[in-house]
PDB file of N, CA and C in Angstrom:
ATOM      1  N   GLY A   1     -11.543  39.212 -46.884  1.00  0.00           N
ATOM      2  CA  GLY A   1     -10.389  39.994 -46.487  1.00  0.00           C
ATOM      3  C   GLY A   1      -9.149  39.140 -46.293  1.00  0.00           C
ATOM      4  N   GLY A   2      -9.117  37.894 -46.815  1.00  0.00           N
ATOM      5  CA  GLY A   2      -7.933  37.055 -46.669  1.00  0.00           C
ATOM      6  C   GLY A   2      -7.788  36.414 -45.304  1.00  0.00           C
ATOM      7  N   ARG A   3      -8.797  36.552 -44.450  1.00  0.00           N
ATOM      8  CA  ARG A   3      -8.689  35.991 -43.100  1.00  0.00           C
ATOM      9  C   ARG A   3      -9.071  34.521 -43.071  1.00  0.00           C
ATOM     10  N   GLY A   4      -9.803  34.039 -44.055  1.00  0.00           N
ATOM     11  CA  GLY A   4     -10.193  32.637 -44.119  1.00  0.00           C
ATOM     12  C   GLY A   4     -11.397  32.340 -43.245  1.00  0.00           C
ATOM     13  N   ILE A   5     -11.927  31.125 -43.406  1.00  0.00           N
ATOM     14  CA  ILE A   5     -13.056  30.680 -42.606  1.00  0.00           C
ATOM     15  C   ILE A   5     -12.851  29.222 -42.223  1.00  0.00           C
ATOM     16  N   TYR A   6     -13.637  28.751 -41.277  1.00  0.00           N
ATOM     17  CA  TYR A   6     -13.596  27.334 -40.915  1.00  0.00           C
ATOM     18  C   TYR A   6     -14.964  26.927 -40.399  1.00  0.00           C
ATOM     19  N   PHE A   7     -15.191  25.626 -40.315  1.00  0.00           N
ATOM     20  CA  PHE A   7     -16.435  25.113 -39.762  1.00  0.00           C
ATOM     21  C   PHE A   7     -16.096  23.950 -38.844  1.00  0.00           C
ATOM     22  N   ASN A   8     -16.555  24.011 -37.610  1.00  0.00           N
ATOM     23  CA  ASN A   8     -16.289  22.967 -36.624  1.00  0.00           C
ATOM     24  C   ASN A   8     -17.534  22.102 -36.473  1.00  0.00           C
ATOM     25  N   CYS A   9     -17.535  20.923 -37.109  1.00  0.00           N
ATOM     26  CA  CYS A   9     -18.683  20.005 -37.032  1.00  0.00           C
ATOM     27  C   CYS A   9     -18.915  19.535 -35.606  1.00  0.00           C
ATOM     28  N   ASN A  10     -17.845  19.351 -34.873  1.00  0.00           N
ATOM     29  CA  ASN A  10     -17.920  18.812 -33.516  1.00  0.00           C
ATOM     30  C   ASN A  10     -18.677  19.739 -32.570  1.00  0.00           C
ATOM     31  N   ALA A  11     -18.666  21.025 -32.848  1.00  0.00           N
ATOM     32  CA  ALA A  11     -19.349  21.995 -31.982  1.00  0.00           C
ATOM     33  C   ALA A  11     -20.860  21.960 -32.165  1.00  0.00           C
ATOM     34  N   GLN A  12     -21.328  21.389 -33.284  1.00  0.00           N
ATOM     35  CA  GLN A  12     -22.765  21.387 -33.584  1.00  0.00           C
ATOM     36  C   GLN A  12     -23.271  19.979 -33.870  1.00  0.00           C
ATOM     37  N   LYS A  13     -22.845  19.001 -33.082  1.00  0.00           N
ATOM     38  CA  LYS A  13     -23.221  17.602 -33.308  1.00  0.00           C
ATOM     39  C   LYS A  13     -24.727  17.370 -33.260  1.00  0.00           C
ATOM     40  N   LYS A  14     -25.433  18.129 -32.454  1.00  0.00           N
ATOM     41  CA  LYS A  14     -26.875  17.926 -32.286  1.00  0.00           C
ATOM     42  C   LYS A  14     -27.669  18.272 -33.555  1.00  0.00           C
ATOM     43  N   LEU A  15     -27.070  19.001 -34.476  1.00  0.00           N
ATOM     44  CA  LEU A  15     -27.750  19.381 -35.711  1.00  0.00           C
ATOM     45  C   LEU A  15     -27.767  18.261 -36.749  1.00  0.00           C
ATOM     46  N   TYR A  16     -26.962  17.230 -36.561  1.00  0.00           N
ATOM     47  CA  TYR A  16     -26.858  16.149 -37.539  1.00  0.00           C
ATOM     48  C   TYR A  16     -27.879  15.055 -37.262  1.00  0.00           C
ATOM     49  N   ALA A  17     -28.599  14.622 -38.303  1.00  0.00           N
ATOM     50  CA  ALA A  17     -29.564  13.530 -38.158  1.00  0.00           C
ATOM     51  C   ALA A  17     -28.832  12.221 -37.860  1.00  0.00           C
ATOM     52  N   ARG A  18     -27.676  12.031 -38.478  1.00  0.00           N
ATOM     53  CA  ARG A  18     -26.860  10.829 -38.274  1.00  0.00           C
ATOM     54  C   ARG A  18     -25.442  11.254 -37.936  1.00  0.00           C
ATOM     55  N   CYS A  19     -25.219  11.561 -36.694  1.00  0.00           N
ATOM     56  CA  CYS A  19     -23.909  12.048 -36.255  1.00  0.00           C
ATOM     57  C   CYS A  19     -22.907  10.898 -36.202  1.00  0.00           C
ATOM     58  N   GLY A  20     -21.766  11.067 -36.823  1.00  0.00           N
ATOM     59  CA  GLY A  20     -20.718  10.048 -36.825  1.00  0.00           C
ATOM     60  C   GLY A  20     -19.393  10.619 -36.377  1.00  0.00           C
ATOM     61  N   ILE A  21     -19.419  11.643 -35.533  1.00  0.00           N
ATOM     62  CA  ILE A  21     -18.186  12.243 -35.046  1.00  0.00           C
ATOM     63  C   ILE A  21     -18.159  12.177 -33.531  1.00  0.00           C
ATOM     64  N   GLY A  22     -16.988  12.305 -32.967  1.00  0.00           N
ATOM     65  CA  GLY A  22     -16.838  12.249 -31.518  1.00  0.00           C
ATOM     66  C   GLY A  22     -16.444  10.859 -31.053  1.00  0.00           C
ATOM     67  N   ARG A  23     -16.556  10.620 -29.774  1.00  0.00           N
ATOM     68  CA  ARG A  23     -16.174   9.335 -29.187  1.00  0.00           C
ATOM     69  C   ARG A  23     -17.237   8.282 -29.502  1.00  0.00           C
ATOM     70  N   VAL A  24     -16.783   7.116 -29.986  1.00  0.00           N
ATOM     71  CA  VAL A  24     -17.681   6.029 -30.360  1.00  0.00           C
ATOM     72  C   VAL A  24     -17.283   4.784 -29.587  1.00  0.00           C
ATOM     73  N   ASN A  25     -18.188   4.258 -28.776  1.00  0.00           N
ATOM     74  CA  ASN A  25     -17.920   3.007 -28.058  1.00  0.00           C
ATOM     75  C   ASN A  25     -18.075   1.827 -29.000  1.00  0.00           C
ATOM     76  N   HIS A  26     -17.307   0.780 -28.759  1.00  0.00           N
ATOM     77  CA  HIS A  26     -17.300  -0.370 -29.664  1.00  0.00           C
ATOM     78  C   HIS A  26     -18.646  -1.091 -29.708  1.00  0.00           C
ATOM     79  N   ASP A  27     -19.467  -0.986 -28.665  1.00  0.00           N
ATOM     80  CA  ASP A  27     -20.745  -1.694 -28.641  1.00  0.00           C
ATOM     81  C   ASP A  27     -21.932  -0.825 -29.063  1.00  0.00           C
ATOM     82  N   ASP A  28     -21.692   0.404 -29.477  1.00  0.00           N
ATOM     83  CA  ASP A  28     -22.756   1.301 -29.919  1.00  0.00           C
ATOM     84  C   ASP A  28     -22.907   1.156 -31.435  1.00  0.00           C
ATOM     85  N   THR A  29     -23.755   0.212 -31.843  1.00  0.00           N
ATOM     86  CA  THR A  29     -23.866  -0.103 -33.273  1.00  0.00           C
ATOM     87  C   THR A  29     -24.441   1.056 -34.091  1.00  0.00           C
ATOM     88  N   ALA A  30     -25.380   1.797 -33.532  1.00  0.00           N
ATOM     89  CA  ALA A  30     -25.970   2.922 -34.280  1.00  0.00           C
ATOM     90  C   ALA A  30     -24.918   3.990 -34.562  1.00  0.00           C
ATOM     91  N   LEU A  31     -24.138   4.340 -33.558  1.00  0.00           N
ATOM     92  CA  LEU A  31     -23.102   5.361 -33.752  1.00  0.00           C
ATOM     93  C   LEU A  31     -22.000   4.850 -34.673  1.00  0.00           C
ATOM     94  N   ARG A  32     -21.685   3.559 -34.587  1.00  0.00           N
ATOM     95  CA  ARG A  32     -20.680   2.990 -35.490  1.00  0.00           C
ATOM     96  C   ARG A  32     -21.159   3.015 -36.931  1.00  0.00           C
ATOM     97  N   ASP A  33     -22.448   2.766 -37.143  1.00  0.00           N
ATOM     98  CA  ASP A  33     -23.001   2.864 -38.501  1.00  0.00           C
ATOM     99  C   ASP A  33     -22.904   4.296 -39.017  1.00  0.00           C
ATOM    100  N   ASN A  34     -23.178   5.254 -38.150  1.00  0.00           N
ATOM    101  CA  ASN A  34     -23.061   6.664 -38.535  1.00  0.00           C
ATOM    102  C   ASN A  34     -21.617   7.030 -38.857  1.00  0.00           C
ATOM    103  N   LEU A  35     -20.677   6.513 -38.071  1.00  0.00           N
ATOM    104  CA  LEU A  35     -19.255   6.763 -38.322  1.00  0.00           C
ATOM    105  C   LEU A  35     -18.845   6.171 -39.663  1.00  0.00           C
ATOM    106  N   ASP A  36     -19.320   4.967 -39.949  1.00  0.00           N
ATOM    107  CA  ASP A  36     -19.016   4.325 -41.222  1.00  0.00           C
ATOM    108  C   ASP A  36     -19.554   5.160 -42.382  1.00  0.00           C
ATOM    109  N   ARG A  37     -20.751   5.679 -42.224  1.00  0.00           N
ATOM    110  CA  ARG A  37     -21.374   6.521 -43.251  1.00  0.00           C
ATOM    111  C   ARG A  37     -20.561   7.811 -43.457  1.00  0.00           C
ATOM    112  N   ALA A  38     -20.127   8.423 -42.363  1.00  0.00           N
ATOM    113  CA  ALA A  38     -19.320   9.646 -42.456  1.00  0.00           C
ATOM    114  C   ALA A  38     -17.975   9.352 -43.120  1.00  0.00           C
ATOM    115  N   ALA A  39     -17.361   8.222 -42.770  1.00  0.00           N
ATOM    116  CA  ALA A  39     -16.063   7.859 -43.359  1.00  0.00           C
ATOM    117  C   ALA A  39     -16.198   7.616 -44.859  1.00  0.00           C
ATOM    118  N   ARG A  40     -17.260   6.934 -45.270  1.00  0.00           N
ATOM    119  CA  ARG A  40     -17.475   6.706 -46.701  1.00  0.00           C
ATOM    120  C   ARG A  40     -17.685   8.018 -47.445  1.00  0.00           C
ATOM    121  N   TYR A  41     -18.342   8.973 -46.806  1.00  0.00           N
ATOM    122  CA  TYR A  41     -18.533  10.292 -47.424  1.00  0.00           C
ATOM    123  C   TYR A  41     -17.191  11.006 -47.600  1.00  0.00           C
ATOM    124  N   LEU A  42     -16.333  10.917 -46.587  1.00  0.00           N
ATOM    125  CA  LEU A  42     -15.055  11.626 -46.632  1.00  0.00           C
ATOM    126  C   LEU A  42     -14.096  11.063 -47.673  1.00  0.00           C
ATOM    127  N   VAL A  43     -14.202   9.776 -47.973  1.00  0.00           N
ATOM    128  CA  VAL A  43     -13.260   9.159 -48.910  1.00  0.00           C
ATOM    129  C   VAL A  43     -13.906   8.803 -50.245  1.00  0.00           C
ATOM    130  N   LYS A  44     -15.078   9.372 -50.516  1.00  0.00           N
ATOM    131  CA  LYS A  44     -15.759   9.057 -51.772  1.00  0.00           C
ATOM    132  C   LYS A  44     -14.929   9.533 -52.960  1.00  0.00           C
ATOM    133  N   GLN A  45     -15.133   8.862 -54.065  1.00  0.00           N
ATOM    134  CA  GLN A  45     -14.401   9.200 -55.281  1.00  0.00           C
ATOM    135  C   GLN A  45     -14.836  10.570 -55.783  1.00  0.00           C
ATOM    136  N   ASP A  46     -13.869  11.374 -56.176  1.00  0.00           N
ATOM    137  CA  ASP A  46     -14.152  12.702 -56.701  1.00  0.00           C
ATOM    138  C   ASP A  46     -14.274  12.597 -58.215  1.00  0.00           C
ATOM    139  N   CYS A  47     -15.473  12.767 -58.729  1.00  0.00           N
ATOM    140  CA  CYS A  47     -15.691  12.613 -60.169  1.00  0.00           C
ATOM    141  C   CYS A  47     -15.136  13.789 -60.967  1.00  0.00           C
ATOM    142  N   TYR A  48     -14.826  14.898 -60.316  1.00  0.00           N
ATOM    143  CA  TYR A  48     -14.320  16.064 -61.036  1.00  0.00           C
ATOM    144  C   TYR A  48     -12.814  16.041 -61.225  1.00  0.00           C
ATOM    145  N   ALA A  49     -12.086  15.340 -60.376  1.00  0.00           N
ATOM    146  CA  ALA A  49     -10.626  15.316 -60.468  1.00  0.00           C
ATOM    147  C   ALA A  49     -10.168  14.683 -61.770  1.00  0.00           C
ATOM    148  N   ALA A  50     -10.850  13.647 -62.224  1.00  0.00           N
ATOM    149  CA  ALA A  50     -10.465  12.960 -63.454  1.00  0.00           C
ATOM    150  C   ALA A  50     -10.648  13.857 -64.679  1.00  0.00           C
ATOM    151  N   VAL A  51     -11.586  14.769 -64.631  1.00  0.00           N
ATOM    152  CA  VAL A  51     -11.838  15.658 -65.761  1.00  0.00           C
ATOM    153  C   VAL A  51     -10.699  16.660 -65.926  1.00  0.00           C
ATOM    154  N   ILE A  52     -10.101  17.079 -64.847  1.00  0.00           N
ATOM    155  CA  ILE A  52      -9.049  18.090 -64.866  1.00  0.00           C
ATOM    156  C   ILE A  52      -7.743  17.523 -65.425  1.00  0.00           C
ATOM    157  N   VAL A  53      -7.450  16.267 -65.129  1.00  0.00           N
ATOM    158  CA  VAL A  53      -6.164  15.650 -65.475  1.00  0.00           C
ATOM    159  C   VAL A  53      -6.126  15.249 -66.946  1.00  0.00           C
ATOM    160  N   GLN A  54      -4.990  15.520 -67.573  1.00  0.00           N
ATOM    161  CA  GLN A  54      -4.771  15.077 -68.939  1.00  0.00           C
ATOM    162  C   GLN A  54      -3.527  14.202 -68.954  1.00  0.00           C
ATOM    163  N   GLY A  55      -3.594  13.094 -69.628  1.00  0.00           N
ATOM    164  CA  GLY A  55      -2.454  12.184 -69.684  1.00  0.00           C
ATOM    165  C   GLY A  55      -2.276  11.447 -68.366  1.00  0.00           C
ATOM    166  N   GLU A  56      -1.027  11.325 -67.937  1.00  0.00           N
ATOM    167  CA  GLU A  56      -0.728  10.596 -66.710  1.00  0.00           C
ATOM    168  C   GLU A  56      -0.298  11.537 -65.593  1.00  0.00           C
ATOM    169  N   ALA A  57      -0.797  12.750 -65.609  1.00  0.00           N
ATOM    170  CA  ALA A  57      -0.444  13.723 -64.572  1.00  0.00           C
ATOM    171  C   ALA A  57      -1.051  13.317 -63.243  1.00  0.00           C
ATOM    172  N   ARG A  58      -0.418  13.705 -62.165  1.00  0.00           N
ATOM    173  CA  ARG A  58      -0.898  13.402 -60.815  1.00  0.00           C
ATOM    174  C   ARG A  58      -1.808  14.525 -60.334  1.00  0.00           C
ATOM    175  N   VAL A  59      -2.996  14.161 -59.833  1.00  0.00           N
ATOM    176  CA  VAL A  59      -3.946  15.148 -59.345  1.00  0.00           C
ATOM    177  C   VAL A  59      -3.552  15.608 -57.954  1.00  0.00           C
ATOM    178  N   PHE A  60      -3.231  14.660 -57.103  1.00  0.00           N
ATOM    179  CA  PHE A  60      -2.890  14.976 -55.727  1.00  0.00           C
ATOM    180  C   PHE A  60      -1.431  14.611 -55.474  1.00  0.00           C
ATOM    181  N   GLY A  61      -0.767  15.397 -54.647  1.00  0.00           N
ATOM    182  CA  GLY A  61       0.630  15.134 -54.331  1.00  0.00           C
ATOM    183  C   GLY A  61       0.805  13.862 -53.526  1.00  0.00           C
ATOM    184  N   LYS A  62       2.017  13.370 -53.498  1.00  0.00           N
ATOM    185  CA  LYS A  62       2.339  12.148 -52.768  1.00  0.00           C
ATOM    186  C   LYS A  62       3.047  12.541 -51.479  1.00  0.00           C
ATOM    187  N   GLY A  63       2.460  12.204 -50.350  1.00  0.00           N
ATOM    188  CA  GLY A  63       3.025  12.580 -49.056  1.00  0.00           C
ATOM    189  C   GLY A  63       4.167  11.676 -48.633  1.00  0.00           C
ATOM    190  N   GLN A  64       4.986  12.171 -47.737  1.00  0.00           N
ATOM    191  CA  GLN A  64       6.105  11.409 -47.190  1.00  0.00           C
ATOM    192  C   GLN A  64       5.998  11.469 -45.666  1.00  0.00           C
ATOM    193  N   ALA A  65       5.827  10.331 -45.036  1.00  0.00           N
ATOM    194  CA  ALA A  65       5.705  10.282 -43.577  1.00  0.00           C
ATOM    195  C   ALA A  65       7.078  10.310 -42.925  1.00  0.00           C
ATOM    196  N   GLU A  66       7.149  10.965 -41.787  1.00  0.00           N
ATOM    197  CA  GLU A  66       8.391  11.002 -41.012  1.00  0.00           C
ATOM    198  C   GLU A  66       8.171  10.267 -39.706  1.00  0.00           C
ATOM    199  N   GLU A  67       9.158   9.471 -39.311  1.00  0.00           N
ATOM    200  CA  GLU A  67       9.055   8.788 -38.034  1.00  0.00           C
ATOM    201  C   GLU A  67       9.512   9.727 -36.938  1.00  0.00           C
ATOM    202  N   LYS A  68       8.664   9.884 -35.943  1.00  0.00           N
ATOM    203  CA  LYS A  68       9.001  10.744 -34.819  1.00  0.00           C
ATOM    204  C   LYS A  68       8.804   9.958 -33.544  1.00  0.00           C
ATOM    205  N   SER A  69       9.714  10.130 -32.613  1.00  0.00           N
ATOM    206  CA  SER A  69       9.508   9.491 -31.321  1.00  0.00           C
ATOM    207  C   SER A  69       8.658  10.421 -30.471  1.00  0.00           C
ATOM    208  N   SER A  70       7.791   9.818 -29.669  1.00  0.00           N
ATOM    209  CA  SER A  70       6.874  10.610 -28.871  1.00  0.00           C
ATOM    210  C   SER A  70       6.824  10.055 -27.453  1.00  0.00           C
ATOM    211  N   SER A  71       6.663  10.939 -26.491  1.00  0.00           N
ATOM    212  CA  SER A  71       6.541  10.501 -25.106  1.00  0.00           C
ATOM    213  C   SER A  71       5.077  10.456 -24.690  1.00  0.00           C
ATOM    214  N   ARG A  72       4.174  10.593 -25.654  1.00  0.00           N
ATOM    215  CA  ARG A  72       2.750  10.572 -25.355  1.00  0.00           C
ATOM    216  C   ARG A  72       2.262   9.136 -25.201  1.00  0.00           C
ATOM    217  N   GLY A  73       1.216   8.966 -24.441  1.00  0.00           N
ATOM    218  CA  GLY A  73       0.594   7.650 -24.305  1.00  0.00           C
ATOM    219  C   GLY A  73       1.250   6.798 -23.230  1.00  0.00           C
ATOM    220  N   ARG A  74       0.730   5.592 -23.096  1.00  0.00           N
ATOM    221  CA  ARG A  74       1.214   4.664 -22.090  1.00  0.00           C
ATOM    222  C   ARG A  74       2.545   4.071 -22.544  1.00  0.00           C
ATOM    223  N   PRO A  75       3.560   4.021 -21.654  1.00  0.00           N
ATOM    224  CA  PRO A  75       4.839   3.423 -22.038  1.00  0.00           C
ATOM    225  C   PRO A  75       4.665   1.947 -22.401  1.00  0.00           C
ATOM    226  N   ARG A  76       5.316   1.501 -23.432  1.00  0.00           N
ATOM    227  CA  ARG A  76       5.232   0.116 -23.874  1.00  0.00           C
ATOM    228  C   ARG A  76       6.312  -0.719 -23.199  1.00  0.00           C
ATOM    229  N   LEU A  77       6.035  -1.996 -23.058  1.00  0.00           N
ATOM    230  CA  LEU A  77       6.975  -2.916 -22.415  1.00  0.00           C
ATOM    231  C   LEU A  77       8.277  -2.976 -23.200  1.00  0.00           C
ATOM    232  N   SER A  78       8.202  -2.933 -24.537  1.00  0.00           N
ATOM    233  CA  SER A  78       9.406  -2.988 -25.355  1.00  0.00           C
ATOM    234  C   SER A  78      10.337  -1.820 -25.100  1.00  0.00           C
ATOM    235  N   GLU A  79       9.773  -0.645 -24.769  1.00  0.00           N
ATOM    236  CA  GLU A  79      10.599   0.539 -24.472  1.00  0.00           C
ATOM    237  C   GLU A  79      11.336   0.361 -23.148  1.00  0.00           C
ATOM    238  N   LYS A  80      10.658  -0.249 -22.184  1.00  0.00           N
ATOM    239  CA  LYS A  80      11.291  -0.468 -20.886  1.00  0.00           C
ATOM    240  C   LYS A  80      12.430  -1.473 -20.969  1.00  0.00           C
ATOM    241  N   LEU A  81      12.254  -2.489 -21.831  1.00  0.00           N
ATOM    242  CA  LEU A  81      13.265  -3.534 -21.956  1.00  0.00           C
ATOM    243  C   LEU A  81      14.368  -3.158 -22.951  1.00  0.00           C
ATOM    244  N   GLY A  82      14.164  -2.058 -23.676  1.00  0.00           N
ATOM    245  CA  GLY A  82      15.158  -1.622 -24.661  1.00  0.00           C
ATOM    246  C   GLY A  82      15.161  -2.458 -25.907  1.00  0.00           C
ATOM    247  N   ILE A  83      14.018  -3.010 -26.260  1.00  0.00           N
ATOM    248  CA  ILE A  83      13.924  -3.874 -27.442  1.00  0.00           C
ATOM    249  C   ILE A  83      13.673  -3.040 -28.674  1.00  0.00           C
TER     250      ILE A  83
END
């Protein structure tokens, strides 16, 4: 009906044999290995994208980042000194 769907992996972490989402402590090697595995899955090469493209066309658009100032987080010393 055009309403769309979504899936929240974080809500069902217990269902994953190798969970790599959520908070990961630097000394938790098992969870870090799982995170590494999840990251490699997310950035794996898409073998189908190359089939669609002909010539030198771009498959994915090129993003442009904008610099925004934010008041979130801990204030930095450089901000206090006006550097």
